[in-house]
Each structure stands twice: as structure tokens, then as C-alpha cells.
Amino acid sequence: MRVQDLGVVDEPVLLFGGPYSNLQATQAVLEQARHRGAKPVCTGDVVAYCARPAETVAAIRAAGCPVVAGNCEVQLAEGADDCGCGFQEGSVCDLLSVGWYGFAQSRVGADARAWMAELPDVVVFAQSGARYAVIHGGVSDVARFVWSTSPMSVFRSEWMALEAQIGPVDHIVAGHSGIPFQQDVGKGRWINAGVIGMPPHDGLQQTAFMVLEEGRAKLHRLNYDMDGAVADMEAAGLTHGYHIALRSGYWPSEDVLPPDLRLSFASG
């Protein structure tokens, strides 16, 4: 397990995940960090559904933003044939991933892949006397989906697995699942910062990030040039559903969601 320790961070920390090759959203969230005087930290999946993978990686690297390796970075670095997202085989999400992952493979160069290969599995830092650990999905599986409604046993098993590797932590920050939440799991808070590259399946075009300051994580919604992101996807031929999701605020499929988080009225 590769660990990057940021030490004590006195300024606010802007936590976000899933840039997803959405360059416009990435530029917007980095501007938010500059405006707030906050240190940006990313939970991974810099590259995914949208049309500007190489440019998005370049923007994140130029900003000096610490990034945890997401499953997409792991797979691209290894030259794997699929995204390793954990989608059920044959599901809509699994079938759609063929298009966007193939596009990303064709656009991400060797230098970016080498950068991905060196990304840490965990980023740790301290703020207001508490130790935070940033991961992607889970510790047992980088692509594990952990939801607000997941059984408490899931949170506890992942927490134990992490502490077995890096020692005690007070709070865990994660990403991957795409829907932000905070959950008190006994040992501390499990904080999912959400993603900036795709809306959180709630009918709004704004995406989401969190700002951690003085021990409190606050959710914020991100406005960005959504029309520009959609235009880029259409120009690239990435018109399999995720371009519509940027406008509608709903994912093209609920396959990945547990039944208790599905919205019966959202049909794509």
C-alpha cells in the first residue's frame, strides 16, 4: 500500500472525486480551491466518462493536487482492457463503459500513465487534531461501492482493513460511488466527498464537492460550463448517455445503485 502523508494542513481542504475527464468541471473546482484558499485533494478517477481525459490529467497535475489512485487510474496504468469499475457484467453501466474507456485509452499518453502508476493508495493528513485518510472506494477493493445505506458492517470492515495498514485514523474520506454523504460509523465519520464530473443523480446539473475546515466537512454544489462539456462529448462521439446525464442530472442507468437509493421516476 502506497501512502502519501501531507502532514498537518492548517488551511481548508477541498475534497472532491471523479473529475471523469470533465475538463470544465475540473477547472471550476480548482478555481474554487484558489478562491477559498483551500488545498485540493482528489479521491481518484480523474479519467472516465467525458471527452477531455488528457487535458483533465494535465490540469490536475499542474495544480499540484494530491490524488488517490482510483480504479480508472489503476487500469489505465496497467494497460487493462476495461475500467475495473465494479459494474455487474452485462449491466447497462458495464456496456456503456466500453465506449468511454476505449476513448480514454486512445487519448491518455505514456507520461500520464506513468504518473497514474505512481499515485498513492491512501493520502493522509491532519487537521484540527484529527487524522484523516483519503481512499478511493474501499481498502479491500479499490472499486468497492460504499453507499450511505450500506450495512454498518461494511464501514467497520473497511475501517479495520485500513487501520491494519496505516494505524489509527479518526475519519475516512472516500469517493467512487458518486453520491456524497457523511456517516457516523462509531470510530469516526465516513465522508464521501462526491464527484465533480457527473451530477449525483438528483436531477440537478450541479456536481458536488466538500470543504473540510476546523474539523467540519460541508457540502457545496459546483457550477461549471456544462454546455461546453456536453459539446466536447458530442464532438468526440461520446453520445451513449452520459452526455445526457450532464444536462438531466440523472445517470443513464441505476444498475450500480442499491435498490434503496434508486429513483423510480428517473429513467435516464
Protein backbone atom coordinates (compact mmCIF):
# COMPACT_ATOMS: atom_id res chain seq x y z
CA MET A 1 0.00 0.00 0.00
CA ARG A 2 1.44 3.36 -1.07
CA VAL A 3 0.76 6.19 1.39
CA GLN A 4 1.27 9.91 0.84
CA ASP A 5 1.38 11.91 4.08
CA LEU A 6 0.57 15.61 3.71
CA GLY A 7 1.35 16.31 7.36
CA VAL A 8 -0.65 18.96 9.21
CA VAL A 9 -2.87 21.01 6.91
CA ASP A 10 -3.95 24.22 8.59
CA GLU A 11 -5.84 25.70 5.64
CA PRO A 12 -9.23 24.39 4.49
CA VAL A 13 -9.12 21.19 2.41
CA LEU A 14 -11.29 20.98 -0.68
CA LEU A 15 -12.23 17.32 -1.11
CA PHE A 16 -13.51 16.07 -4.45
CA GLY A 17 -13.60 12.97 -6.58
CA GLY A 18 -14.32 11.84 -10.10
CA PRO A 19 -13.18 14.57 -12.47
CA TYR A 20 -14.17 11.94 -15.06
CA SER A 21 -12.38 13.69 -17.99
CA ASN A 22 -14.71 16.66 -17.50
CA LEU A 23 -12.21 19.45 -18.07
CA GLN A 24 -14.70 22.26 -17.49
CA ALA A 25 -15.72 20.90 -14.08
CA THR A 26 -12.07 20.33 -13.17
CA GLN A 27 -11.15 23.90 -14.00
CA ALA A 28 -14.13 25.12 -11.98
CA VAL A 29 -13.29 23.12 -8.85
CA LEU A 30 -9.63 24.15 -8.96
CA GLU A 31 -10.76 27.75 -9.19
CA GLN A 32 -12.97 27.14 -6.14
CA ALA A 33 -9.89 25.90 -4.27
CA ARG A 34 -7.91 29.01 -5.24
CA HIS A 35 -10.79 31.31 -4.32
CA ARG A 36 -11.24 29.69 -0.91
CA GLY A 37 -7.54 29.41 -0.13
CA ALA A 38 -8.08 25.66 0.20
CA LYS A 39 -5.82 22.70 -0.54
CA PRO A 40 -7.48 20.47 -3.16
CA VAL A 41 -7.35 16.70 -2.60
CA CYS A 42 -8.88 14.24 -5.09
CA THR A 43 -10.28 10.77 -4.33
CA GLY A 44 -9.44 9.49 -7.82
CA ASP A 45 -10.98 8.59 -11.18
CA VAL A 46 -9.53 11.64 -12.88
CA VAL A 47 -10.34 9.96 -16.20
CA ALA A 48 -13.69 8.43 -17.13
CA TYR A 49 -16.94 9.29 -18.93
CA CYS A 50 -16.29 12.69 -20.53
CA ALA A 51 -14.27 13.87 -23.51
CA ARG A 52 -11.08 15.56 -22.27
CA PRO A 53 -9.06 12.90 -20.42
CA ALA A 54 -5.55 14.11 -21.31
CA GLU A 55 -6.38 17.75 -20.62
CA THR A 56 -8.04 16.89 -17.31
CA VAL A 57 -5.00 14.94 -16.14
CA ALA A 58 -2.78 17.85 -17.17
CA ALA A 59 -4.91 20.36 -15.22
CA ILE A 60 -4.84 18.24 -12.06
CA ARG A 61 -1.08 17.73 -12.30
CA ALA A 62 -0.40 21.41 -12.99
CA ALA A 63 -2.35 22.32 -9.85
CA GLY A 64 -0.16 20.04 -7.73
CA CYS A 65 -3.30 18.36 -6.41
CA PRO A 66 -2.74 15.19 -4.36
CA VAL A 67 -4.70 12.32 -5.94
CA VAL A 68 -5.54 8.86 -4.66
CA ALA A 69 -5.36 6.16 -7.32
CA GLY A 70 -8.86 5.31 -8.48
CA ASN A 71 -9.70 2.14 -10.31
CA CYS A 72 -9.57 4.00 -13.63
CA GLU A 73 -6.00 5.15 -12.94
CA VAL A 74 -5.00 1.65 -11.87
CA GLN A 75 -6.45 0.10 -15.02
CA LEU A 76 -5.06 2.67 -17.44
CA ALA A 77 -1.62 2.47 -15.84
CA GLU A 78 -1.65 -1.30 -16.28
CA GLY A 79 -2.96 -1.14 -19.86
CA ALA A 80 -6.02 -3.18 -18.84
CA ASP A 81 -8.89 -3.80 -21.24
CA ASP A 82 -11.64 -2.41 -19.01
CA CYS A 83 -12.18 0.27 -16.38
CA GLY A 84 -12.39 -2.07 -13.40
CA CYS A 85 -15.31 -0.02 -12.07
CA GLY A 86 -17.01 -2.94 -10.40
CA PHE A 87 -20.08 -2.81 -12.65
CA GLN A 88 -22.05 -6.04 -12.87
CA GLU A 89 -21.13 -7.87 -16.07
CA GLY A 90 -23.70 -7.22 -18.80
CA SER A 91 -25.32 -4.31 -16.96
CA VAL A 92 -26.03 -1.05 -18.76
CA CYS A 93 -23.15 0.66 -16.94
CA ASP A 94 -20.82 -2.18 -17.92
CA LEU A 95 -21.84 -1.98 -21.59
CA LEU A 96 -21.55 1.81 -21.68
CA SER A 97 -18.07 1.65 -20.18
CA VAL A 98 -16.75 0.00 -23.34
CA GLY A 99 -17.21 3.26 -25.26
CA TRP A 100 -15.80 5.78 -22.83
CA TYR A 101 -12.96 3.60 -21.57
CA GLY A 102 -11.82 2.83 -25.12
CA PHE A 103 -11.86 6.54 -25.87
CA ALA A 104 -9.81 7.30 -22.75
CA GLN A 105 -7.29 4.60 -23.64
CA SER A 106 -6.74 6.22 -27.02
CA ARG A 107 -6.18 9.69 -25.54
CA VAL A 108 -4.09 9.10 -22.40
CA GLY A 109 -0.38 9.03 -23.22
CA ALA A 110 2.55 7.21 -21.70
CA ASP A 111 3.61 10.09 -19.44
CA ALA A 112 0.14 10.36 -17.91
CA ARG A 113 0.00 6.59 -17.40
CA ALA A 114 3.37 6.66 -15.67
CA TRP A 115 2.02 9.38 -13.34
CA MET A 116 -1.04 7.23 -12.62
CA ALA A 117 1.16 4.24 -11.81
CA GLU A 118 2.88 6.21 -9.05
CA LEU A 119 -0.26 7.54 -7.36
CA PRO A 120 -0.76 6.59 -3.70
CA ASP A 121 -3.45 4.21 -2.49
CA VAL A 122 -4.04 6.43 0.54
CA VAL A 123 -3.44 10.09 1.29
CA VAL A 124 -3.28 11.04 4.97
CA PHE A 125 -3.27 14.43 6.65
CA ALA A 126 -4.07 16.00 10.00
CA GLN A 127 -6.39 18.92 10.66
CA SER A 128 -7.68 20.32 13.97
CA GLY A 129 -6.04 17.45 15.87
CA ALA A 130 -7.72 14.69 13.82
CA ARG A 131 -6.10 12.27 11.39
CA TYR A 132 -7.84 11.82 8.05
CA ALA A 133 -7.25 9.07 5.50
CA VAL A 134 -8.34 9.52 1.89
CA ILE A 135 -9.10 6.42 -0.18
CA HIS A 136 -10.93 5.74 -3.44
CA GLY A 137 -13.66 3.11 -2.97
CA GLY A 138 -12.66 0.61 -0.34
CA VAL A 139 -9.49 -0.81 1.14
CA SER A 140 -10.44 -4.41 0.41
CA ASP A 141 -11.23 -3.42 -3.19
CA VAL A 142 -10.38 -0.08 -4.79
CA ALA A 143 -13.64 -0.30 -6.77
CA ARG A 144 -15.88 -1.23 -3.85
CA PHE A 145 -19.11 0.77 -3.77
CA VAL A 146 -19.85 2.06 -0.28
CA TRP A 147 -23.17 3.89 -0.02
CA SER A 148 -24.92 5.86 2.69
CA THR A 149 -27.25 2.87 3.09
CA SER A 150 -24.52 0.21 3.17
CA PRO A 151 -24.62 -2.07 6.24
CA MET A 152 -22.56 -0.81 9.17
CA SER A 153 -20.52 -3.99 8.87
CA VAL A 154 -19.19 -2.73 5.52
CA PHE A 155 -17.93 0.52 7.03
CA ARG A 156 -16.39 -1.27 10.00
CA SER A 157 -14.63 -3.92 7.94
CA GLU A 158 -13.12 -1.31 5.62
CA TRP A 159 -12.06 0.80 8.59
CA MET A 160 -10.35 -2.16 10.24
CA ALA A 161 -8.60 -3.08 6.98
CA LEU A 162 -7.27 0.46 6.62
CA GLU A 163 -6.06 0.77 10.20
CA ALA A 164 -4.30 -2.57 9.89
CA GLN A 165 -2.21 -0.97 7.14
CA ILE A 166 -1.62 2.60 8.34
CA GLY A 167 -2.58 2.75 12.02
CA PRO A 168 -5.44 4.61 13.73
CA VAL A 169 -7.43 7.22 11.86
CA ASP A 170 -10.20 9.50 13.10
CA HIS A 171 -12.07 9.93 9.82
CA ILE A 172 -12.08 8.38 6.35
CA VAL A 173 -12.68 10.31 3.12
CA ALA A 174 -13.75 8.24 0.11
CA GLY A 175 -15.16 8.57 -3.39
CA HIS A 176 -16.05 6.18 -6.23
CA SER A 177 -19.80 5.85 -5.66
CA GLY A 178 -20.63 9.32 -6.99
CA ILE A 179 -23.18 10.36 -4.35
CA PRO A 180 -21.88 12.47 -1.44
CA PHE A 181 -22.75 11.65 2.15
CA GLN A 182 -21.39 11.64 5.70
CA GLN A 183 -21.94 8.72 8.05
CA ASP A 184 -21.01 8.35 11.71
CA VAL A 185 -19.74 4.79 11.94
CA GLY A 186 -18.70 4.71 15.59
CA LYS A 187 -14.95 5.09 15.21
CA GLY A 188 -15.43 8.34 13.30
CA ARG A 189 -17.01 9.76 10.17
CA TRP A 190 -17.01 8.19 6.75
CA ILE A 191 -17.06 11.17 4.38
CA ASN A 192 -17.87 10.66 0.71
CA ALA A 193 -16.98 13.95 -0.97
CA GLY A 194 -18.96 13.22 -4.13
CA VAL A 195 -17.67 13.73 -7.68
CA ILE A 196 -17.33 16.79 -9.85
CA GLY A 197 -17.51 15.19 -13.29
CA MET A 198 -21.10 13.94 -13.15
CA PRO A 199 -24.15 15.11 -11.16
CA PRO A 200 -25.15 12.96 -8.16
CA HIS A 201 -28.30 11.51 -9.76
CA ASP A 202 -30.63 14.06 -8.20
CA GLY A 203 -31.97 15.99 -11.19
CA LEU A 204 -29.60 18.95 -10.80
CA GLN A 205 -26.84 19.83 -13.25
CA GLN A 206 -24.51 20.99 -10.50
CA THR A 207 -21.93 18.47 -9.32
CA ALA A 208 -20.56 18.27 -5.76
CA PHE A 209 -17.50 18.71 -3.56
CA MET A 210 -16.82 19.23 0.15
CA VAL A 211 -14.72 21.71 2.08
CA LEU A 212 -13.16 20.49 5.33
CA GLU A 213 -12.38 23.28 7.77
CA GLU A 214 -11.79 23.12 11.52
CA GLY A 215 -12.97 19.50 11.56
CA ARG A 216 -16.25 20.09 9.72
CA ALA A 217 -16.95 18.91 6.18
CA LYS A 218 -19.52 21.00 4.32
CA LEU A 219 -21.11 20.01 1.02
CA HIS A 220 -21.08 22.50 -1.85
CA ARG A 221 -22.52 22.29 -5.36
CA LEU A 222 -20.32 23.13 -8.33
CA ASN A 223 -21.41 25.29 -11.23
CA TYR A 224 -19.31 24.85 -14.37
CA ASP A 225 -19.53 25.15 -18.15
CA MET A 226 -21.80 22.16 -18.61
CA ASP A 227 -22.69 23.13 -22.20
CA GLY A 228 -19.01 23.12 -23.10
CA ALA A 229 -18.53 19.67 -21.57
CA VAL A 230 -21.53 18.29 -23.48
CA ALA A 231 -20.30 19.86 -26.73
CA ASP A 232 -16.91 18.20 -26.24
CA MET A 233 -18.58 14.82 -25.73
CA GLU A 234 -20.77 15.21 -28.80
CA ALA A 235 -17.77 16.24 -30.92
CA ALA A 236 -15.88 13.16 -29.69
CA GLY A 237 -18.80 10.82 -30.41
CA LEU A 238 -19.35 10.05 -26.73
CA THR A 239 -23.11 10.07 -27.10
CA HIS A 240 -24.05 6.87 -25.29
CA GLY A 241 -25.93 8.51 -22.42
CA TYR A 242 -23.53 10.26 -20.09
CA HIS A 243 -23.71 13.47 -22.16
CA ILE A 244 -27.45 13.49 -21.46
CA ALA A 245 -26.78 12.91 -17.76
CA LEU A 246 -24.80 16.15 -17.58
CA ARG A 247 -27.93 18.04 -18.68
CA SER A 248 -30.65 15.98 -16.96
CA GLY A 249 -28.91 15.44 -13.65
CA TYR A 250 -29.77 11.73 -13.80
CA TRP A 251 -27.42 8.87 -14.61
CA PRO A 252 -28.16 6.83 -17.75
CA SER A 253 -28.75 3.75 -15.60
CA GLU A 254 -29.42 2.89 -11.97
CA ASP A 255 -27.82 -0.56 -12.30
CA VAL A 256 -25.00 0.32 -9.95
CA LEU A 257 -27.25 1.73 -7.23
CA PRO A 258 -28.62 -0.36 -4.36
CA PRO A 259 -32.44 -0.62 -4.53
CA ASP A 260 -32.96 1.75 -1.61
CA LEU A 261 -31.23 4.59 -3.48
CA ARG A 262 -32.95 4.16 -6.84
CA LEU A 263 -35.36 6.78 -8.12
CA SER A 264 -38.31 5.18 -9.87
CA PHE A 265 -39.09 8.35 -11.80
CA ALA A 266 -35.59 8.72 -13.26
CA SER A 267 -35.45 6.78 -16.48
CA GLY A 268 -32.29 8.27 -17.95
